[in-house]
N, C-alpha and C. Protein backbone atom coordinates (compact mmCIF):
# COMPACT_ATOMS: atom_id res chain seq x y z
N MET A 1 -42.78 -6.05 -4.16
CA MET A 1 -41.91 -4.84 -4.32
C MET A 1 -40.79 -4.84 -3.27
N MET A 2 -39.56 -4.68 -3.77
CA MET A 2 -38.43 -4.72 -2.84
C MET A 2 -38.28 -3.40 -2.19
N GLN A 3 -38.00 -3.45 -0.83
CA GLN A 3 -37.83 -2.23 -0.08
C GLN A 3 -36.36 -2.02 0.17
N MET A 4 -35.96 -0.74 0.03
CA MET A 4 -34.57 -0.34 0.26
C MET A 4 -34.34 -0.14 1.74
N ALA A 5 -33.16 -0.60 2.23
CA ALA A 5 -32.82 -0.44 3.68
C ALA A 5 -32.61 1.07 3.90
N PRO A 6 -33.12 1.64 4.98
CA PRO A 6 -32.93 3.03 5.32
C PRO A 6 -31.48 3.42 5.53
N LEU A 7 -31.09 4.59 5.12
CA LEU A 7 -29.74 5.08 5.40
C LEU A 7 -29.59 5.50 6.85
N LYS A 8 -28.47 5.16 7.42
CA LYS A 8 -28.24 5.50 8.82
C LYS A 8 -28.01 7.05 9.01
N THR A 9 -28.48 7.59 10.10
CA THR A 9 -28.34 8.95 10.40
C THR A 9 -27.63 9.19 11.70
N GLU A 10 -26.93 10.30 11.87
CA GLU A 10 -26.31 10.56 13.15
C GLU A 10 -27.26 11.43 13.99
N ALA A 11 -26.77 11.82 15.15
CA ALA A 11 -27.59 12.58 16.09
C ALA A 11 -28.11 13.92 15.53
N MET A 12 -27.15 14.52 14.71
CA MET A 12 -27.52 15.83 14.14
C MET A 12 -28.43 15.70 12.93
N GLY A 13 -28.77 14.56 12.50
CA GLY A 13 -29.72 14.30 11.44
C GLY A 13 -28.98 14.15 10.08
N ARG A 14 -27.72 14.19 10.03
CA ARG A 14 -26.96 14.04 8.75
C ARG A 14 -27.02 12.58 8.33
N VAL A 15 -27.32 12.36 7.04
CA VAL A 15 -27.44 11.03 6.48
C VAL A 15 -25.98 10.50 6.27
N ARG A 16 -25.64 9.35 6.79
CA ARG A 16 -24.41 8.77 6.62
C ARG A 16 -24.36 7.91 5.36
N LYS A 17 -23.43 8.14 4.48
CA LYS A 17 -23.33 7.47 3.19
C LYS A 17 -22.52 6.22 3.31
N PRO A 18 -22.94 5.14 2.60
CA PRO A 18 -22.10 3.87 2.71
C PRO A 18 -20.79 4.10 1.85
N ILE A 19 -19.70 3.53 2.31
CA ILE A 19 -18.46 3.71 1.69
C ILE A 19 -17.59 2.48 1.99
N ALA A 20 -16.84 1.99 1.00
CA ALA A 20 -15.91 0.90 1.18
C ALA A 20 -14.65 1.38 1.88
N ILE A 21 -13.93 0.49 2.59
CA ILE A 21 -12.85 0.88 3.38
C ILE A 21 -11.72 1.48 2.54
N GLN A 22 -11.50 0.95 1.37
CA GLN A 22 -10.37 1.43 0.48
C GLN A 22 -10.75 2.87 0.05
N ARG A 23 -12.00 3.11 -0.32
CA ARG A 23 -12.38 4.47 -0.79
C ARG A 23 -12.37 5.39 0.49
N LEU A 24 -12.64 4.93 1.60
CA LEU A 24 -12.63 5.73 2.81
C LEU A 24 -11.22 6.25 3.10
N LEU A 25 -10.26 5.29 2.95
CA LEU A 25 -8.87 5.69 3.18
C LEU A 25 -8.46 6.72 2.15
N GLU A 26 -8.81 6.53 0.93
CA GLU A 26 -8.43 7.49 -0.15
C GLU A 26 -9.07 8.88 0.15
N TRP A 27 -10.35 8.88 0.57
CA TRP A 27 -10.92 10.11 0.96
C TRP A 27 -10.23 10.83 2.05
N ALA A 28 -9.84 10.05 3.17
CA ALA A 28 -9.20 10.64 4.32
C ALA A 28 -7.78 11.18 3.98
N PHE A 29 -6.98 10.43 3.26
CA PHE A 29 -5.59 10.81 3.05
C PHE A 29 -5.39 11.54 1.78
N ALA A 30 -6.16 11.29 0.69
CA ALA A 30 -5.97 12.09 -0.52
C ALA A 30 -6.91 13.30 -0.65
N ASP A 31 -8.13 13.14 -0.25
CA ASP A 31 -9.02 14.27 -0.40
C ASP A 31 -8.92 15.20 0.80
N GLU A 32 -8.89 14.66 1.99
CA GLU A 32 -8.82 15.49 3.19
C GLU A 32 -7.41 15.78 3.71
N CYS A 33 -6.42 15.13 3.11
CA CYS A 33 -5.04 15.32 3.49
C CYS A 33 -4.77 15.03 4.96
N ALA A 34 -5.35 14.02 5.50
CA ALA A 34 -5.12 13.58 6.87
C ALA A 34 -3.72 13.00 6.96
N SER A 35 -3.20 13.09 8.14
CA SER A 35 -1.80 12.56 8.34
C SER A 35 -1.83 11.67 9.61
N ILE A 36 -0.81 10.82 9.63
CA ILE A 36 -0.71 9.88 10.79
C ILE A 36 0.27 10.51 11.89
N ASP A 37 -0.18 10.52 13.09
CA ASP A 37 0.56 11.01 14.16
C ASP A 37 0.72 9.89 15.17
N PHE A 38 1.85 9.30 15.18
CA PHE A 38 2.05 8.14 16.13
C PHE A 38 2.21 8.60 17.54
N GLU A 39 2.37 9.87 17.82
CA GLU A 39 2.46 10.40 19.13
C GLU A 39 1.23 11.08 19.60
N ASP A 40 0.23 11.02 18.79
CA ASP A 40 -1.12 11.62 19.13
C ASP A 40 -1.62 10.99 20.46
N GLU A 41 -2.19 11.79 21.34
CA GLU A 41 -2.72 11.32 22.61
C GLU A 41 -3.72 10.23 22.38
N GLY A 42 -4.50 10.32 21.33
CA GLY A 42 -5.51 9.34 21.02
C GLY A 42 -4.93 8.00 20.63
N THR A 43 -3.92 8.05 19.79
CA THR A 43 -3.24 6.79 19.35
C THR A 43 -2.45 6.13 20.39
N LEU A 44 -2.09 6.85 21.44
CA LEU A 44 -1.33 6.31 22.55
C LEU A 44 -2.22 5.55 23.52
N ALA A 45 -3.52 5.81 23.52
CA ALA A 45 -4.48 5.18 24.38
C ALA A 45 -4.83 3.86 23.81
N PRO A 46 -5.34 2.99 24.71
CA PRO A 46 -5.84 1.59 24.32
C PRO A 46 -6.96 1.73 23.31
N GLY A 47 -7.03 0.87 22.30
CA GLY A 47 -8.12 0.86 21.41
C GLY A 47 -7.87 1.76 20.23
N TYR A 48 -8.97 2.18 19.51
CA TYR A 48 -8.85 3.03 18.40
C TYR A 48 -9.38 4.41 18.73
N GLY A 49 -8.84 5.07 19.75
CA GLY A 49 -9.15 6.44 20.03
C GLY A 49 -8.64 7.43 19.04
N HIS A 50 -9.03 8.63 19.20
CA HIS A 50 -8.56 9.67 18.31
C HIS A 50 -8.61 10.99 18.95
N VAL A 51 -7.79 11.93 18.49
CA VAL A 51 -7.80 13.37 18.95
C VAL A 51 -8.16 14.12 17.74
N GLY A 52 -9.32 14.83 17.79
CA GLY A 52 -9.80 15.57 16.61
C GLY A 52 -9.40 17.01 16.64
N ASN A 53 -9.90 17.75 15.65
CA ASN A 53 -9.59 19.14 15.51
C ASN A 53 -10.07 19.99 16.64
N ALA A 54 -11.27 19.65 17.17
CA ALA A 54 -11.82 20.43 18.30
C ALA A 54 -10.82 20.38 19.46
N TYR A 55 -10.28 19.19 19.78
CA TYR A 55 -9.29 19.08 20.87
C TYR A 55 -8.03 19.96 20.59
N ARG A 56 -7.58 19.90 19.34
CA ARG A 56 -6.34 20.71 19.03
C ARG A 56 -6.67 22.14 19.24
N MET A 57 -7.82 22.68 18.76
CA MET A 57 -8.12 24.08 18.89
C MET A 57 -8.27 24.44 20.36
N ALA A 58 -8.86 23.53 21.11
CA ALA A 58 -9.05 23.81 22.57
C ALA A 58 -7.73 23.92 23.28
N GLN A 59 -6.80 23.05 22.90
CA GLN A 59 -5.45 23.12 23.49
C GLN A 59 -4.75 24.39 23.15
N ARG A 60 -4.91 24.85 21.94
CA ARG A 60 -4.29 26.12 21.54
C ARG A 60 -4.93 27.27 22.32
N GLY A 61 -6.20 27.19 22.55
CA GLY A 61 -6.92 28.17 23.32
C GLY A 61 -6.41 28.26 24.70
N LEU A 62 -6.11 27.17 25.34
CA LEU A 62 -5.62 27.10 26.71
C LEU A 62 -4.19 27.71 26.75
N LEU A 63 -3.44 27.59 25.64
CA LEU A 63 -2.09 28.12 25.62
C LEU A 63 -2.08 29.62 25.25
N GLY A 64 -3.26 30.10 24.78
CA GLY A 64 -3.45 31.44 24.39
C GLY A 64 -2.78 31.88 23.12
N TYR A 65 -2.78 31.04 22.11
CA TYR A 65 -2.24 31.41 20.81
C TYR A 65 -3.04 30.86 19.67
N LYS A 66 -2.87 31.39 18.51
CA LYS A 66 -3.59 30.90 17.33
C LYS A 66 -2.64 31.05 16.14
N ILE A 67 -2.82 30.33 15.08
CA ILE A 67 -1.97 30.38 13.89
C ILE A 67 -2.38 31.46 13.03
N ASP A 68 -1.44 32.35 12.68
CA ASP A 68 -1.70 33.52 11.74
C ASP A 68 -1.49 33.04 10.26
N GLY A 69 -2.06 33.78 9.32
CA GLY A 69 -1.75 33.52 7.99
C GLY A 69 -2.74 32.53 7.38
N GLY A 70 -2.41 32.09 6.10
CA GLY A 70 -3.32 31.19 5.38
C GLY A 70 -3.01 29.80 5.69
N GLY A 71 -2.85 29.04 4.61
CA GLY A 71 -2.65 27.59 4.68
C GLY A 71 -3.93 26.83 4.59
N ARG A 72 -3.81 25.46 4.49
CA ARG A 72 -4.98 24.64 4.37
C ARG A 72 -5.70 24.47 5.64
N SER A 73 -6.95 24.15 5.57
CA SER A 73 -7.71 23.89 6.74
C SER A 73 -7.46 22.53 7.33
N TYR A 74 -7.93 22.25 8.51
CA TYR A 74 -7.78 20.98 9.06
C TYR A 74 -8.62 19.91 8.34
N PRO A 75 -8.15 18.65 8.33
CA PRO A 75 -9.03 17.60 7.79
C PRO A 75 -10.34 17.45 8.44
N ASP A 76 -11.29 16.88 7.79
CA ASP A 76 -12.63 16.59 8.44
C ASP A 76 -12.41 15.68 9.61
N HIS A 77 -13.37 15.82 10.61
CA HIS A 77 -13.32 15.06 11.82
C HIS A 77 -13.25 13.54 11.56
N ASP A 78 -14.00 13.11 10.57
CA ASP A 78 -14.04 11.70 10.19
C ASP A 78 -12.68 11.21 9.66
N ALA A 79 -11.99 12.12 8.96
CA ALA A 79 -10.64 11.77 8.41
C ALA A 79 -9.65 11.60 9.56
N ASP A 80 -9.86 12.38 10.66
CA ASP A 80 -9.04 12.19 11.89
C ASP A 80 -9.27 10.81 12.44
N ILE A 81 -10.50 10.41 12.53
CA ILE A 81 -10.80 9.10 13.07
C ILE A 81 -10.20 8.01 12.30
N VAL A 82 -10.24 8.13 10.96
CA VAL A 82 -9.60 7.14 10.07
C VAL A 82 -8.11 7.06 10.28
N ALA A 83 -7.46 8.30 10.31
CA ALA A 83 -6.02 8.36 10.44
C ALA A 83 -5.56 7.76 11.78
N SER A 84 -6.33 8.00 12.81
CA SER A 84 -5.99 7.50 14.15
C SER A 84 -6.12 5.95 14.23
N ALA A 85 -7.16 5.49 13.50
CA ALA A 85 -7.28 4.01 13.44
C ALA A 85 -6.06 3.36 12.71
N VAL A 86 -5.67 4.03 11.65
CA VAL A 86 -4.51 3.53 10.88
C VAL A 86 -3.27 3.52 11.72
N ALA A 87 -3.11 4.57 12.52
CA ALA A 87 -1.90 4.76 13.32
C ALA A 87 -1.68 3.69 14.40
N VAL A 88 -2.76 3.02 14.78
CA VAL A 88 -2.64 2.04 15.85
C VAL A 88 -2.88 0.60 15.37
N LEU A 89 -2.59 0.41 14.06
CA LEU A 89 -2.69 -0.92 13.50
C LEU A 89 -1.90 -1.90 14.36
N PRO A 90 -2.38 -3.13 14.69
CA PRO A 90 -1.63 -4.05 15.50
C PRO A 90 -0.47 -4.64 14.69
N GLU A 91 0.52 -5.07 15.36
CA GLU A 91 1.73 -5.62 14.77
C GLU A 91 1.43 -6.77 13.85
N GLY A 92 0.38 -7.56 14.19
CA GLY A 92 0.03 -8.65 13.26
C GLY A 92 -0.42 -8.24 11.93
N CYS A 93 -0.82 -6.96 11.79
CA CYS A 93 -1.22 -6.40 10.47
C CYS A 93 -0.12 -5.51 9.88
N GLY A 94 1.05 -5.54 10.50
CA GLY A 94 2.14 -4.77 9.98
C GLY A 94 2.53 -3.62 10.76
N GLY A 95 1.76 -3.20 11.79
CA GLY A 95 2.10 -2.18 12.66
C GLY A 95 2.29 -0.79 11.94
N ARG A 96 3.28 -0.07 12.45
CA ARG A 96 3.49 1.32 11.94
C ARG A 96 4.03 1.29 10.47
N ARG A 97 4.80 0.27 10.15
CA ARG A 97 5.31 0.18 8.76
C ARG A 97 4.16 0.05 7.81
N MET A 98 3.12 -0.76 8.06
CA MET A 98 1.93 -0.92 7.27
C MET A 98 1.14 0.31 7.29
N ALA A 99 1.06 1.04 8.45
CA ALA A 99 0.24 2.23 8.53
C ALA A 99 0.77 3.26 7.61
N VAL A 100 2.07 3.42 7.50
CA VAL A 100 2.67 4.39 6.66
C VAL A 100 2.44 4.01 5.19
N GLN A 101 2.51 2.69 4.89
CA GLN A 101 2.34 2.27 3.49
C GLN A 101 0.82 2.49 3.09
N ILE A 102 -0.11 2.21 3.99
CA ILE A 102 -1.51 2.38 3.74
C ILE A 102 -1.79 3.83 3.41
N ALA A 103 -1.22 4.77 4.19
CA ALA A 103 -1.42 6.20 3.97
C ALA A 103 -0.85 6.65 2.64
N GLU A 104 0.36 6.19 2.31
CA GLU A 104 0.94 6.56 1.08
C GLU A 104 0.21 5.97 -0.13
N LEU A 105 -0.25 4.76 -0.07
CA LEU A 105 -1.05 4.16 -1.18
C LEU A 105 -2.33 4.92 -1.37
N ALA A 106 -2.92 5.22 -0.23
CA ALA A 106 -4.27 5.95 -0.19
C ALA A 106 -4.11 7.29 -0.90
N ARG A 107 -3.05 8.04 -0.60
CA ARG A 107 -2.85 9.32 -1.15
C ARG A 107 -2.62 9.22 -2.69
N ALA A 108 -2.04 8.10 -3.12
CA ALA A 108 -1.82 7.89 -4.54
C ALA A 108 -2.97 7.15 -5.23
N ARG A 109 -3.93 6.78 -4.41
CA ARG A 109 -5.12 6.02 -4.89
C ARG A 109 -4.58 4.76 -5.63
N ALA A 110 -3.67 4.09 -4.95
CA ALA A 110 -3.04 2.84 -5.56
C ALA A 110 -3.24 1.70 -4.65
N VAL A 111 -2.76 0.51 -5.10
CA VAL A 111 -2.67 -0.64 -4.26
C VAL A 111 -1.30 -1.20 -4.35
N PRO A 112 -0.85 -2.05 -3.44
CA PRO A 112 0.53 -2.57 -3.56
C PRO A 112 0.70 -3.43 -4.81
N GLU A 113 1.97 -3.44 -5.22
CA GLU A 113 2.36 -4.27 -6.32
C GLU A 113 2.09 -5.72 -6.05
N ALA A 114 1.40 -6.40 -6.93
CA ALA A 114 1.13 -7.86 -6.69
C ALA A 114 1.54 -8.68 -7.86
N TYR A 115 2.16 -8.04 -8.87
CA TYR A 115 2.60 -8.75 -10.05
C TYR A 115 1.46 -9.58 -10.67
N VAL A 116 0.38 -8.92 -10.85
CA VAL A 116 -0.87 -9.55 -11.56
C VAL A 116 -0.42 -9.80 -12.97
N GLY A 117 -0.54 -11.01 -13.48
CA GLY A 117 -0.27 -11.42 -14.82
C GLY A 117 1.24 -11.42 -15.14
N ALA A 118 2.05 -11.36 -14.08
CA ALA A 118 3.55 -11.37 -14.38
C ALA A 118 3.94 -12.72 -14.93
N VAL A 119 4.86 -12.62 -15.92
CA VAL A 119 5.47 -13.81 -16.54
C VAL A 119 6.96 -13.77 -16.33
N THR A 120 7.51 -14.73 -15.67
CA THR A 120 8.96 -14.75 -15.41
C THR A 120 9.64 -15.04 -16.74
N ARG A 121 10.70 -14.18 -17.08
CA ARG A 121 11.45 -14.34 -18.29
C ARG A 121 12.92 -14.52 -17.99
N CYS A 122 13.57 -15.36 -18.80
CA CYS A 122 14.99 -15.56 -18.70
C CYS A 122 15.68 -14.54 -19.60
N GLU A 123 16.51 -13.74 -18.95
CA GLU A 123 17.23 -12.61 -19.70
C GLU A 123 18.70 -12.67 -19.38
N PRO A 124 19.56 -12.09 -20.28
CA PRO A 124 20.98 -11.92 -19.97
C PRO A 124 21.17 -11.09 -18.72
N ALA A 125 22.17 -11.41 -17.87
CA ALA A 125 22.37 -10.70 -16.64
C ALA A 125 22.81 -9.28 -16.93
N GLY A 126 23.48 -9.07 -18.05
CA GLY A 126 24.01 -7.72 -18.41
C GLY A 126 24.06 -7.51 -19.88
N TRP A 127 24.27 -6.24 -20.25
CA TRP A 127 24.35 -5.88 -21.72
C TRP A 127 25.58 -5.00 -21.91
N HIS A 128 26.19 -5.20 -23.11
CA HIS A 128 27.17 -4.21 -23.60
C HIS A 128 26.45 -3.36 -24.68
N VAL A 129 26.55 -2.04 -24.45
CA VAL A 129 25.86 -1.16 -25.30
C VAL A 129 26.92 -0.28 -26.07
N ASN A 130 26.83 -0.18 -27.31
CA ASN A 130 27.66 0.62 -28.18
C ASN A 130 26.83 1.28 -29.27
N PRO A 131 27.41 2.17 -30.10
CA PRO A 131 26.66 2.87 -31.13
C PRO A 131 25.98 1.91 -32.13
N HIS A 132 26.46 0.70 -32.26
CA HIS A 132 25.82 -0.30 -33.14
C HIS A 132 24.72 -1.12 -32.56
N GLY A 133 24.49 -0.93 -31.29
CA GLY A 133 23.39 -1.63 -30.61
C GLY A 133 23.87 -2.25 -29.26
N ARG A 134 23.30 -3.35 -28.92
CA ARG A 134 23.70 -3.95 -27.65
C ARG A 134 23.87 -5.45 -27.81
N ARG A 135 24.71 -6.03 -27.01
CA ARG A 135 24.78 -7.55 -26.97
C ARG A 135 24.95 -7.99 -25.54
N ALA A 136 24.60 -9.28 -25.32
CA ALA A 136 24.62 -9.82 -24.05
C ALA A 136 26.08 -9.91 -23.51
N VAL A 137 26.25 -9.64 -22.25
CA VAL A 137 27.54 -9.81 -21.57
C VAL A 137 27.84 -11.32 -21.44
N THR A 138 29.05 -11.70 -21.77
CA THR A 138 29.50 -13.15 -21.59
C THR A 138 30.72 -13.20 -20.69
N GLU A 139 30.95 -14.38 -20.24
CA GLU A 139 32.05 -14.64 -19.31
C GLU A 139 32.90 -15.84 -19.90
N SER A 140 34.14 -15.76 -19.68
CA SER A 140 35.05 -16.86 -20.10
C SER A 140 35.15 -17.91 -18.96
N LEU A 141 35.00 -19.19 -19.44
CA LEU A 141 35.22 -20.31 -18.55
C LEU A 141 36.60 -20.95 -18.70
N GLY A 142 37.33 -20.38 -19.65
CA GLY A 142 38.70 -20.89 -19.86
C GLY A 142 38.83 -21.30 -21.37
N GLN A 143 39.84 -22.07 -21.61
CA GLN A 143 40.13 -22.46 -23.05
C GLN A 143 40.26 -23.98 -23.08
N VAL A 144 40.01 -24.44 -24.39
CA VAL A 144 40.19 -25.84 -24.62
C VAL A 144 41.13 -25.97 -25.83
N ALA A 145 41.87 -27.03 -25.88
CA ALA A 145 42.78 -27.24 -26.92
C ALA A 145 42.17 -28.09 -28.10
N ASP A 146 42.33 -27.59 -29.33
CA ASP A 146 41.81 -28.29 -30.46
C ASP A 146 43.03 -28.96 -31.22
N CYS A 147 43.10 -30.28 -31.09
CA CYS A 147 44.24 -30.99 -31.69
C CYS A 147 43.91 -31.75 -32.97
N SER A 148 42.79 -31.26 -33.63
CA SER A 148 42.33 -32.00 -34.79
C SER A 148 43.20 -31.74 -36.00
N GLY A 149 43.86 -30.58 -36.00
CA GLY A 149 44.70 -30.18 -37.14
C GLY A 149 46.20 -30.43 -36.89
N ARG A 150 46.98 -29.91 -37.83
CA ARG A 150 48.46 -30.05 -37.68
C ARG A 150 48.92 -29.16 -36.46
N LYS A 151 48.26 -28.12 -36.24
CA LYS A 151 48.65 -27.16 -35.14
C LYS A 151 47.54 -27.30 -34.08
N VAL A 152 47.99 -27.13 -32.89
CA VAL A 152 47.07 -27.09 -31.80
C VAL A 152 46.46 -25.68 -31.69
N LYS A 153 45.11 -25.69 -31.75
CA LYS A 153 44.41 -24.37 -31.55
C LYS A 153 43.69 -24.34 -30.26
N ARG A 154 43.65 -23.21 -29.68
CA ARG A 154 43.01 -22.99 -28.43
C ARG A 154 41.73 -22.12 -28.62
N HIS A 155 40.62 -22.62 -28.11
CA HIS A 155 39.35 -21.81 -28.22
C HIS A 155 38.85 -21.41 -26.88
N ASP A 156 38.41 -20.20 -26.83
CA ASP A 156 37.83 -19.61 -25.63
C ASP A 156 36.40 -20.12 -25.39
N ILE A 157 36.18 -20.64 -24.31
CA ILE A 157 34.76 -21.06 -23.95
C ILE A 157 34.06 -19.96 -23.18
N ARG A 158 32.99 -19.43 -23.77
CA ARG A 158 32.28 -18.33 -23.12
C ARG A 158 30.81 -18.74 -22.86
N VAL A 159 30.28 -18.23 -21.79
CA VAL A 159 28.89 -18.46 -21.44
C VAL A 159 28.24 -17.10 -21.12
N CYS A 160 26.93 -17.10 -21.21
CA CYS A 160 26.14 -15.87 -20.94
C CYS A 160 25.33 -16.13 -19.67
N PRO A 161 25.76 -15.42 -18.56
CA PRO A 161 25.01 -15.54 -17.37
C PRO A 161 23.61 -14.98 -17.55
N VAL A 162 22.62 -15.67 -16.94
CA VAL A 162 21.21 -15.17 -17.12
C VAL A 162 20.64 -15.02 -15.76
N VAL A 163 19.52 -14.26 -15.76
CA VAL A 163 18.70 -14.05 -14.59
C VAL A 163 17.20 -14.24 -14.94
N PHE A 164 16.46 -14.47 -13.99
CA PHE A 164 15.00 -14.61 -14.26
C PHE A 164 14.30 -13.33 -13.66
N ARG A 165 13.60 -12.62 -14.53
CA ARG A 165 12.90 -11.40 -14.07
C ARG A 165 11.46 -11.43 -14.44
N PRO A 166 10.55 -11.07 -13.53
CA PRO A 166 10.81 -10.86 -12.10
C PRO A 166 11.14 -12.22 -11.37
N ALA A 167 12.02 -12.15 -10.42
CA ALA A 167 12.42 -13.33 -9.75
C ALA A 167 11.29 -13.88 -8.90
N ALA A 168 11.27 -15.23 -8.72
CA ALA A 168 10.26 -15.86 -7.98
C ALA A 168 10.12 -15.34 -6.53
N ASP A 169 11.30 -15.09 -5.84
CA ASP A 169 11.23 -14.59 -4.47
C ASP A 169 10.78 -13.17 -4.42
N GLN A 170 11.02 -12.38 -5.49
CA GLN A 170 10.53 -10.96 -5.59
C GLN A 170 8.99 -11.00 -5.69
N ILE A 171 8.46 -11.86 -6.55
CA ILE A 171 6.98 -11.98 -6.69
C ILE A 171 6.37 -12.38 -5.35
N ALA A 172 6.99 -13.45 -4.75
CA ALA A 172 6.39 -13.95 -3.54
C ALA A 172 6.41 -12.88 -2.39
N ALA A 173 7.48 -12.07 -2.31
CA ALA A 173 7.56 -11.07 -1.28
C ALA A 173 6.52 -10.00 -1.50
N ALA A 174 6.34 -9.62 -2.81
CA ALA A 174 5.35 -8.59 -3.16
C ALA A 174 3.92 -9.07 -2.81
N ARG A 175 3.65 -10.31 -3.07
CA ARG A 175 2.32 -10.83 -2.83
C ARG A 175 2.07 -11.03 -1.28
N ARG A 176 3.08 -11.39 -0.53
CA ARG A 176 2.94 -11.42 0.93
C ARG A 176 2.61 -10.07 1.43
N ASN A 177 3.28 -9.04 0.93
CA ASN A 177 2.97 -7.69 1.35
C ASN A 177 1.61 -7.24 1.02
N TYR A 178 1.10 -7.70 -0.24
CA TYR A 178 -0.25 -7.34 -0.65
C TYR A 178 -1.24 -7.97 0.29
N LEU A 179 -1.08 -9.25 0.65
CA LEU A 179 -1.97 -9.96 1.57
C LEU A 179 -2.00 -9.35 2.92
N GLN A 180 -0.82 -8.83 3.42
CA GLN A 180 -0.84 -8.16 4.70
C GLN A 180 -1.55 -6.84 4.64
N TRP A 181 -1.37 -6.14 3.54
CA TRP A 181 -2.14 -4.86 3.24
C TRP A 181 -3.63 -5.14 3.27
N TRP A 182 -4.05 -6.26 2.62
CA TRP A 182 -5.46 -6.63 2.56
C TRP A 182 -5.93 -6.92 3.98
N SER A 183 -5.13 -7.67 4.72
CA SER A 183 -5.52 -8.04 6.06
C SER A 183 -5.66 -6.81 6.94
N ALA A 184 -4.78 -5.79 6.70
CA ALA A 184 -4.90 -4.54 7.51
C ALA A 184 -6.18 -3.79 7.18
N LEU A 185 -6.54 -3.83 5.88
CA LEU A 185 -7.82 -3.18 5.48
C LEU A 185 -9.02 -3.86 6.14
N LEU A 186 -8.93 -5.23 6.24
CA LEU A 186 -9.95 -5.93 6.88
C LEU A 186 -10.11 -5.59 8.32
N ASP A 187 -8.93 -5.48 9.03
CA ASP A 187 -8.93 -5.10 10.43
C ASP A 187 -9.48 -3.72 10.61
N LEU A 188 -9.08 -2.76 9.74
CA LEU A 188 -9.60 -1.36 9.82
C LEU A 188 -11.12 -1.36 9.58
N ARG A 189 -11.63 -2.11 8.63
CA ARG A 189 -13.00 -2.19 8.34
C ARG A 189 -13.77 -2.61 9.52
N VAL A 190 -13.31 -3.73 10.14
CA VAL A 190 -14.10 -4.25 11.34
C VAL A 190 -14.07 -3.29 12.49
N CYS A 191 -12.89 -2.67 12.71
CA CYS A 191 -12.83 -1.79 13.87
C CYS A 191 -13.59 -0.48 13.69
N LEU A 192 -13.63 0.04 12.47
CA LEU A 192 -14.42 1.28 12.22
C LEU A 192 -15.85 0.96 12.27
N GLN A 193 -16.25 -0.28 11.82
CA GLN A 193 -17.64 -0.70 11.86
C GLN A 193 -18.12 -0.85 13.36
N ILE A 194 -17.21 -1.40 14.18
CA ILE A 194 -17.59 -1.52 15.59
C ILE A 194 -17.60 -0.22 16.35
N GLN A 195 -16.57 0.63 16.00
CA GLN A 195 -16.52 1.93 16.59
C GLN A 195 -17.71 2.80 16.21
N ASN A 196 -17.96 2.84 14.93
CA ASN A 196 -19.27 3.41 14.40
C ASN A 196 -19.50 4.85 14.95
N ASP A 197 -18.45 5.68 14.91
CA ASP A 197 -18.70 7.04 15.35
C ASP A 197 -18.39 8.14 14.34
N MET A 198 -18.37 7.77 13.09
CA MET A 198 -18.15 8.77 12.05
C MET A 198 -19.48 9.45 11.73
N SER A 199 -19.50 10.69 11.35
CA SER A 199 -20.68 11.42 11.12
C SER A 199 -21.07 11.46 9.69
N ARG A 200 -20.07 11.18 8.74
CA ARG A 200 -20.39 11.22 7.29
C ARG A 200 -20.61 9.84 6.73
N TRP A 201 -19.86 8.83 7.25
CA TRP A 201 -19.74 7.57 6.53
C TRP A 201 -20.23 6.35 7.35
N ASN A 202 -20.68 5.41 6.62
CA ASN A 202 -21.05 4.09 7.16
C ASN A 202 -20.24 3.04 6.36
N VAL A 203 -19.24 2.43 7.07
CA VAL A 203 -18.34 1.52 6.29
C VAL A 203 -19.07 0.19 5.91
N THR A 204 -18.97 -0.07 4.61
CA THR A 204 -19.63 -1.28 4.12
C THR A 204 -18.68 -2.51 4.26
N HIS A 205 -19.11 -3.64 3.86
CA HIS A 205 -18.27 -4.86 3.90
C HIS A 205 -17.33 -5.05 2.76
N GLU A 206 -17.43 -4.17 1.74
CA GLU A 206 -16.69 -4.34 0.52
C GLU A 206 -15.13 -4.19 0.76
N LEU A 207 -14.40 -5.10 0.21
CA LEU A 207 -12.94 -5.10 0.30
C LEU A 207 -12.33 -5.24 -1.10
N PRO A 208 -11.03 -4.87 -1.27
CA PRO A 208 -10.40 -5.14 -2.54
C PRO A 208 -10.29 -6.66 -2.75
N THR A 209 -9.96 -7.04 -3.99
CA THR A 209 -9.83 -8.42 -4.30
C THR A 209 -8.65 -9.02 -3.43
N ARG A 210 -8.85 -10.10 -2.81
CA ARG A 210 -7.79 -10.67 -1.91
C ARG A 210 -6.62 -11.20 -2.62
N THR A 211 -6.80 -11.93 -3.73
CA THR A 211 -5.75 -12.53 -4.48
C THR A 211 -5.93 -12.17 -6.00
N PRO A 212 -5.68 -10.95 -6.36
CA PRO A 212 -5.92 -10.58 -7.77
C PRO A 212 -5.15 -11.33 -8.79
N TRP A 213 -3.98 -11.92 -8.43
CA TRP A 213 -3.16 -12.64 -9.34
C TRP A 213 -3.78 -14.03 -9.68
N LYS A 214 -4.78 -14.45 -8.90
CA LYS A 214 -5.41 -15.69 -9.25
C LYS A 214 -6.73 -15.55 -10.09
N LYS A 215 -7.05 -14.28 -10.39
CA LYS A 215 -8.27 -13.99 -11.18
C LYS A 215 -8.25 -14.66 -12.49
N GLY A 216 -7.12 -14.51 -13.19
CA GLY A 216 -7.00 -15.05 -14.55
C GLY A 216 -7.09 -16.56 -14.57
N LEU A 217 -6.49 -17.26 -13.48
CA LEU A 217 -6.50 -18.65 -13.42
C LEU A 217 -7.88 -19.18 -13.19
N ALA A 218 -8.72 -18.44 -12.37
CA ALA A 218 -10.15 -18.83 -12.16
C ALA A 218 -10.95 -18.81 -13.42
N GLU A 219 -10.64 -17.81 -14.23
CA GLU A 219 -11.44 -17.69 -15.48
C GLU A 219 -10.96 -18.72 -16.49
């Protein structure tokens, strides 16, 4: 009979649920509306520190003020930890630029464009559109003389400029960005697993597909 591994618990006795890093990011930024603060005291310290809601409330208490009115509540403390980890991504994983992209994608529950299944097509560079439809834009290369008859006739030589969409460099750039995003998630997964101080979640080893555009080729 196979035995199930026991779920990890925190000091308060709460059972920590397993969660993949991508889902954790979506929970923090989409569900809990966490935000990245690059000037947060925690993110300015070495490592993956964080400043949570308790610290913010204590600071307000020291200043002797509180916020009146309604508005949304603070994100969960675990969401603060995730946001702070994202804010201090190393430059090798894209730094602040990638941190912002990760947060935006997580809020949209999306992944970077990787042109999965993209087929490059040759198309006219431009179109002329009128009430009767559209036709490809052409350019004149000059004229040639036709001396086959009694009179010399001149014919206009026209060509249709074409482009390839999506362009190969466009696809390559998008896939490089996807790989860097994937590497950043790997870095976050490892660091949050090592830090291991969230009360709700236990980060699993699961990651998004590393090269989804190769899936069809493998099959």
